[in-house]
Amino acid sequence: MGKRVLVVDDANFMRMIVKDTLMPNGFEIVGEATNGNEAVSKYNELKPDLVTMDITMKVKDGLEAAREILAADPNARIVMVTALGQEKMLLDAIALGVRDFVVKPFTKERIISAVEKALQ
């Protein structure tokens, strides 16, 4: 059984791209979330090995969701997935303890590399 991943992004097509990249490479997608509130709830319910987290989402952004997840589980592994131009938010995310980040648009190799690195 592969490592268990929760995919968080408000855009359905981005969740599909991440899933379609990770699943053939041995990762199990255990859940999806469309905002930070869902991400925190599903993290607590599913206890995935890793979360891919979009930063900019409605309801609760990825930074706040990552902060809540890491406060409850300091060993959580989170990879932020973000658009260009959000460097300040990325620096904040790294300071919180996220393991890596991927900038959209990304190559399949980059997301796999970030996820594998975060799981080490």
N, C-alpha and C. Protein backbone atom coordinates (compact mmCIF):
# COMPACT_ATOMS: atom_id res chain seq x y z
N MET A 1 0.85 -1.18 0.00
CA MET A 1 0.00 0.00 0.00
C MET A 1 0.89 1.24 0.00
N GLY A 2 0.55 2.21 -0.86
CA GLY A 2 1.34 3.42 -0.97
C GLY A 2 1.06 4.39 0.16
N LYS A 3 1.83 5.43 0.20
CA LYS A 3 1.62 6.48 1.19
C LYS A 3 0.28 7.15 0.92
N ARG A 4 -0.41 7.51 2.01
CA ARG A 4 -1.77 8.06 1.94
C ARG A 4 -1.72 9.58 1.86
N VAL A 5 -2.41 10.15 0.85
CA VAL A 5 -2.35 11.58 0.58
C VAL A 5 -3.75 12.20 0.58
N LEU A 6 -3.87 13.36 1.22
CA LEU A 6 -5.07 14.19 1.16
C LEU A 6 -4.76 15.34 0.22
N VAL A 7 -5.59 15.53 -0.80
CA VAL A 7 -5.38 16.57 -1.81
C VAL A 7 -6.36 17.71 -1.56
N VAL A 8 -5.81 18.92 -1.33
CA VAL A 8 -6.63 20.08 -1.00
C VAL A 8 -6.42 21.19 -2.03
N ASP A 9 -7.49 21.53 -2.74
CA ASP A 9 -7.46 22.63 -3.70
C ASP A 9 -8.90 23.00 -4.01
N ASP A 10 -9.18 24.29 -4.17
CA ASP A 10 -10.55 24.69 -4.48
C ASP A 10 -10.91 24.44 -5.94
N ALA A 11 -9.93 24.19 -6.78
CA ALA A 11 -10.18 23.93 -8.20
C ALA A 11 -10.18 22.42 -8.47
N ASN A 12 -11.30 21.92 -8.94
CA ASN A 12 -11.44 20.49 -9.23
C ASN A 12 -10.35 20.00 -10.19
N PHE A 13 -10.07 20.78 -11.26
CA PHE A 13 -9.08 20.34 -12.24
C PHE A 13 -7.69 20.21 -11.62
N MET A 14 -7.36 21.06 -10.63
CA MET A 14 -6.05 20.96 -9.98
C MET A 14 -5.99 19.71 -9.10
N ARG A 15 -7.08 19.40 -8.41
CA ARG A 15 -7.11 18.16 -7.62
C ARG A 15 -6.94 16.96 -8.54
N MET A 16 -7.58 17.00 -9.70
CA MET A 16 -7.46 15.90 -10.66
C MET A 16 -6.02 15.75 -11.15
N ILE A 17 -5.36 16.86 -11.45
CA ILE A 17 -3.97 16.81 -11.92
C ILE A 17 -3.07 16.19 -10.85
N VAL A 18 -3.24 16.64 -9.62
CA VAL A 18 -2.41 16.10 -8.53
C VAL A 18 -2.68 14.61 -8.35
N LYS A 19 -3.96 14.22 -8.32
CA LYS A 19 -4.32 12.80 -8.16
C LYS A 19 -3.77 11.97 -9.33
N ASP A 20 -3.97 12.47 -10.55
CA ASP A 20 -3.54 11.72 -11.74
C ASP A 20 -2.02 11.62 -11.83
N THR A 21 -1.32 12.50 -11.14
CA THR A 21 0.14 12.44 -11.10
C THR A 21 0.61 11.47 -10.01
N LEU A 22 -0.01 11.53 -8.85
CA LEU A 22 0.48 10.75 -7.72
C LEU A 22 0.05 9.28 -7.76
N MET A 23 -1.19 9.01 -8.15
CA MET A 23 -1.69 7.63 -8.09
C MET A 23 -0.86 6.64 -8.91
N PRO A 24 -0.49 6.94 -10.15
CA PRO A 24 0.32 5.98 -10.91
C PRO A 24 1.73 5.79 -10.34
N ASN A 25 2.12 6.67 -9.42
CA ASN A 25 3.45 6.60 -8.83
C ASN A 25 3.42 6.01 -7.42
N GLY A 26 2.37 5.27 -7.12
CA GLY A 26 2.33 4.50 -5.89
C GLY A 26 1.70 5.18 -4.69
N PHE A 27 1.08 6.34 -4.88
CA PHE A 27 0.45 7.03 -3.76
C PHE A 27 -1.04 6.74 -3.75
N GLU A 28 -1.61 6.62 -2.56
CA GLU A 28 -3.04 6.39 -2.41
C GLU A 28 -3.71 7.71 -2.02
N ILE A 29 -4.67 8.14 -2.81
CA ILE A 29 -5.40 9.36 -2.50
C ILE A 29 -6.55 8.97 -1.57
N VAL A 30 -6.46 9.37 -0.30
CA VAL A 30 -7.46 8.95 0.68
C VAL A 30 -8.59 9.96 0.83
N GLY A 31 -8.41 11.16 0.29
CA GLY A 31 -9.46 12.16 0.40
C GLY A 31 -9.11 13.41 -0.36
N GLU A 32 -10.14 14.25 -0.51
CA GLU A 32 -10.00 15.55 -1.16
C GLU A 32 -10.75 16.58 -0.33
N ALA A 33 -10.28 17.82 -0.40
CA ALA A 33 -10.96 18.93 0.27
C ALA A 33 -10.90 20.14 -0.64
N THR A 34 -11.93 20.99 -0.53
CA THR A 34 -12.01 22.15 -1.41
C THR A 34 -11.75 23.47 -0.69
N ASN A 35 -11.52 23.40 0.63
CA ASN A 35 -11.17 24.62 1.38
C ASN A 35 -10.47 24.21 2.67
N GLY A 36 -9.98 25.21 3.38
CA GLY A 36 -9.21 24.94 4.58
C GLY A 36 -9.99 24.27 5.70
N ASN A 37 -11.26 24.63 5.85
CA ASN A 37 -12.08 23.97 6.88
C ASN A 37 -12.19 22.48 6.61
N GLU A 38 -12.50 22.13 5.35
CA GLU A 38 -12.58 20.72 4.98
C GLU A 38 -11.24 20.03 5.17
N ALA A 39 -10.15 20.73 4.85
CA ALA A 39 -8.82 20.15 4.96
C ALA A 39 -8.51 19.74 6.40
N VAL A 40 -8.80 20.64 7.35
CA VAL A 40 -8.54 20.34 8.76
C VAL A 40 -9.40 19.17 9.22
N SER A 41 -10.68 19.21 8.88
CA SER A 41 -11.60 18.15 9.27
C SER A 41 -11.18 16.80 8.69
N LYS A 42 -10.85 16.78 7.39
CA LYS A 42 -10.47 15.52 6.75
C LYS A 42 -9.12 15.02 7.25
N TYR A 43 -8.21 15.95 7.55
CA TYR A 43 -6.93 15.53 8.11
C TYR A 43 -7.16 14.79 9.43
N ASN A 44 -7.96 15.37 10.30
CA ASN A 44 -8.23 14.76 11.60
C ASN A 44 -8.95 13.42 11.46
N GLU A 45 -9.82 13.32 10.47
CA GLU A 45 -10.58 12.09 10.25
C GLU A 45 -9.72 11.00 9.60
N LEU A 46 -8.95 11.36 8.58
CA LEU A 46 -8.26 10.37 7.74
C LEU A 46 -6.82 10.09 8.17
N LYS A 47 -6.19 11.02 8.88
CA LYS A 47 -4.79 10.88 9.29
C LYS A 47 -3.88 10.46 8.12
N PRO A 48 -3.87 11.27 7.04
CA PRO A 48 -3.02 10.92 5.89
C PRO A 48 -1.54 11.07 6.23
N ASP A 49 -0.69 10.45 5.40
CA ASP A 49 0.75 10.59 5.56
C ASP A 49 1.23 11.96 5.09
N LEU A 50 0.45 12.57 4.17
CA LEU A 50 0.86 13.84 3.57
C LEU A 50 -0.36 14.58 3.05
N VAL A 51 -0.26 15.91 3.06
CA VAL A 51 -1.31 16.77 2.49
C VAL A 51 -0.67 17.64 1.41
N THR A 52 -1.29 17.70 0.23
CA THR A 52 -0.94 18.74 -0.74
C THR A 52 -1.98 19.83 -0.54
N MET A 53 -1.53 21.06 -0.33
CA MET A 53 -2.43 22.14 0.10
C MET A 53 -2.27 23.38 -0.76
N ASP A 54 -3.34 23.77 -1.43
CA ASP A 54 -3.39 25.05 -2.13
C ASP A 54 -3.34 26.15 -1.08
N ILE A 55 -2.76 27.30 -1.41
CA ILE A 55 -2.73 28.39 -0.44
C ILE A 55 -4.00 29.24 -0.53
N THR A 56 -4.38 29.65 -1.74
CA THR A 56 -5.49 30.58 -1.90
C THR A 56 -6.80 29.83 -2.10
N MET A 57 -7.63 29.84 -1.07
CA MET A 57 -8.95 29.20 -1.12
C MET A 57 -9.93 30.05 -0.33
N LYS A 58 -11.20 29.94 -0.68
CA LYS A 58 -12.24 30.65 0.06
C LYS A 58 -12.51 29.91 1.37
N VAL A 59 -13.26 30.53 2.23
CA VAL A 59 -13.66 30.02 3.54
C VAL A 59 -12.47 30.07 4.51
N LYS A 60 -11.43 29.29 4.25
CA LYS A 60 -10.20 29.32 5.04
C LYS A 60 -9.05 28.99 4.09
N ASP A 61 -8.02 29.85 4.08
CA ASP A 61 -6.92 29.61 3.15
C ASP A 61 -6.00 28.48 3.64
N GLY A 62 -5.12 28.06 2.75
CA GLY A 62 -4.24 26.95 3.04
C GLY A 62 -3.25 27.23 4.15
N LEU A 63 -2.87 28.49 4.30
CA LEU A 63 -1.93 28.87 5.35
C LEU A 63 -2.56 28.66 6.73
N GLU A 64 -3.79 29.12 6.89
CA GLU A 64 -4.49 28.96 8.16
C GLU A 64 -4.77 27.48 8.43
N ALA A 65 -5.16 26.74 7.39
CA ALA A 65 -5.41 25.30 7.56
C ALA A 65 -4.13 24.58 7.97
N ALA A 66 -3.02 24.92 7.32
CA ALA A 66 -1.74 24.31 7.67
C ALA A 66 -1.36 24.63 9.12
N ARG A 67 -1.61 25.87 9.53
CA ARG A 67 -1.32 26.29 10.90
C ARG A 67 -2.11 25.41 11.89
N GLU A 68 -3.39 25.19 11.62
CA GLU A 68 -4.23 24.39 12.51
C GLU A 68 -3.80 22.92 12.53
N ILE A 69 -3.51 22.39 11.35
CA ILE A 69 -3.08 20.99 11.27
C ILE A 69 -1.78 20.78 12.03
N LEU A 70 -0.82 21.68 11.80
CA LEU A 70 0.49 21.54 12.45
C LEU A 70 0.42 21.79 13.96
N ALA A 71 -0.52 22.62 14.40
CA ALA A 71 -0.69 22.84 15.84
C ALA A 71 -1.19 21.56 16.51
N ALA A 72 -2.08 20.86 15.82
CA ALA A 72 -2.64 19.62 16.37
C ALA A 72 -1.69 18.44 16.18
N ASP A 73 -0.91 18.45 15.10
CA ASP A 73 0.01 17.36 14.78
C ASP A 73 1.30 17.94 14.22
N PRO A 74 2.27 18.23 15.10
CA PRO A 74 3.53 18.83 14.64
C PRO A 74 4.30 17.97 13.65
N ASN A 75 3.97 16.69 13.55
CA ASN A 75 4.64 15.80 12.60
C ASN A 75 3.93 15.73 11.25
N ALA A 76 2.87 16.51 11.08
CA ALA A 76 2.14 16.51 9.80
C ALA A 76 3.08 16.91 8.67
N ARG A 77 2.90 16.27 7.54
CA ARG A 77 3.70 16.58 6.35
C ARG A 77 2.79 17.27 5.35
N ILE A 78 3.12 18.53 5.06
CA ILE A 78 2.31 19.34 4.16
C ILE A 78 3.19 19.91 3.06
N VAL A 79 2.73 19.77 1.82
CA VAL A 79 3.39 20.40 0.67
C VAL A 79 2.42 21.44 0.13
N MET A 80 2.84 22.70 0.13
CA MET A 80 1.99 23.77 -0.38
C MET A 80 2.09 23.81 -1.90
N VAL A 81 0.95 24.01 -2.54
CA VAL A 81 0.87 24.14 -3.99
C VAL A 81 0.28 25.51 -4.25
N THR A 82 1.03 26.36 -4.96
CA THR A 82 0.60 27.75 -5.07
C THR A 82 0.92 28.36 -6.43
N ALA A 83 0.24 29.43 -6.73
CA ALA A 83 0.51 30.17 -7.97
C ALA A 83 1.70 31.10 -7.77
N LEU A 84 2.26 31.54 -8.87
CA LEU A 84 3.34 32.52 -8.82
C LEU A 84 2.86 33.78 -8.11
N GLY A 85 3.77 34.51 -7.50
CA GLY A 85 3.43 35.78 -6.89
C GLY A 85 2.99 35.67 -5.44
N GLN A 86 3.10 34.51 -4.84
CA GLN A 86 2.69 34.36 -3.45
C GLN A 86 3.88 34.01 -2.56
N GLU A 87 5.03 34.61 -2.88
CA GLU A 87 6.26 34.29 -2.17
C GLU A 87 6.17 34.58 -0.67
N LYS A 88 5.53 35.68 -0.29
CA LYS A 88 5.39 36.03 1.13
C LYS A 88 4.62 34.94 1.87
N MET A 89 3.53 34.47 1.27
CA MET A 89 2.74 33.41 1.90
C MET A 89 3.55 32.12 1.98
N LEU A 90 4.37 31.86 0.97
CA LEU A 90 5.20 30.65 1.00
C LEU A 90 6.22 30.73 2.13
N LEU A 91 6.82 31.89 2.31
CA LEU A 91 7.79 32.05 3.40
C LEU A 91 7.09 31.84 4.75
N ASP A 92 5.88 32.36 4.87
CA ASP A 92 5.11 32.14 6.11
C ASP A 92 4.83 30.65 6.31
N ALA A 93 4.50 29.96 5.22
CA ALA A 93 4.19 28.52 5.30
C ALA A 93 5.43 27.73 5.72
N ILE A 94 6.58 28.06 5.16
CA ILE A 94 7.82 27.37 5.53
C ILE A 94 8.12 27.62 7.00
N ALA A 95 7.92 28.86 7.46
CA ALA A 95 8.16 29.18 8.86
C ALA A 95 7.23 28.38 9.78
N LEU A 96 6.03 28.08 9.30
CA LEU A 96 5.08 27.27 10.08
C LEU A 96 5.54 25.82 10.23
N GLY A 97 6.27 25.35 9.22
CA GLY A 97 6.72 23.97 9.26
C GLY A 97 6.28 23.11 8.10
N VAL A 98 5.72 23.73 7.03
CA VAL A 98 5.41 22.91 5.87
C VAL A 98 6.72 22.40 5.27
N ARG A 99 6.65 21.23 4.64
CA ARG A 99 7.87 20.55 4.22
C ARG A 99 8.45 21.06 2.90
N ASP A 100 7.58 21.49 1.98
CA ASP A 100 8.05 21.91 0.66
C ASP A 100 6.92 22.68 -0.01
N PHE A 101 7.19 23.22 -1.19
CA PHE A 101 6.15 23.89 -1.95
C PHE A 101 6.37 23.63 -3.43
N VAL A 102 5.29 23.72 -4.17
CA VAL A 102 5.30 23.53 -5.61
C VAL A 102 4.56 24.72 -6.21
N VAL A 103 5.15 25.34 -7.23
CA VAL A 103 4.54 26.50 -7.88
C VAL A 103 3.79 26.05 -9.13
N LYS A 104 2.53 26.49 -9.24
CA LYS A 104 1.71 26.21 -10.42
C LYS A 104 2.13 27.15 -11.55
N PRO A 105 2.12 26.72 -12.79
CA PRO A 105 1.93 25.34 -13.22
C PRO A 105 3.18 24.53 -12.93
N PHE A 106 3.00 23.29 -12.56
CA PHE A 106 4.14 22.45 -12.19
C PHE A 106 4.25 21.26 -13.13
N THR A 107 5.46 20.67 -13.15
CA THR A 107 5.64 19.44 -13.90
C THR A 107 5.29 18.27 -12.99
N LYS A 108 4.97 17.16 -13.58
CA LYS A 108 4.67 15.95 -12.79
C LYS A 108 5.88 15.58 -11.94
N GLU A 109 7.06 15.72 -12.52
CA GLU A 109 8.28 15.36 -11.80
C GLU A 109 8.45 16.23 -10.55
N ARG A 110 8.09 17.50 -10.65
CA ARG A 110 8.27 18.42 -9.50
C ARG A 110 7.34 18.04 -8.35
N ILE A 111 6.09 17.71 -8.65
CA ILE A 111 5.18 17.38 -7.56
C ILE A 111 5.57 16.05 -6.93
N ILE A 112 5.99 15.09 -7.73
CA ILE A 112 6.43 13.80 -7.19
C ILE A 112 7.66 14.00 -6.31
N SER A 113 8.60 14.80 -6.79
CA SER A 113 9.82 15.07 -6.03
C SER A 113 9.50 15.74 -4.70
N ALA A 114 8.62 16.73 -4.69
CA ALA A 114 8.27 17.43 -3.46
C ALA A 114 7.59 16.50 -2.46
N VAL A 115 6.69 15.66 -2.96
CA VAL A 115 5.97 14.73 -2.08
C VAL A 115 6.94 13.70 -1.50
N GLU A 116 7.79 13.13 -2.35
CA GLU A 116 8.76 12.14 -1.86
C GLU A 116 9.71 12.76 -0.84
N LYS A 117 10.18 13.97 -1.11
CA LYS A 117 11.08 14.66 -0.18
C LYS A 117 10.39 14.89 1.17
N ALA A 118 9.13 15.33 1.12
CA ALA A 118 8.39 15.62 2.36
C ALA A 118 8.15 14.36 3.18
N LEU A 119 8.08 13.23 2.54
CA LEU A 119 7.82 11.98 3.24
C LEU A 119 9.07 11.34 3.83
N GLN A 120 10.22 11.85 3.49
CA GLN A 120 11.47 11.26 4.01
C GLN A 120 11.68 11.61 5.46
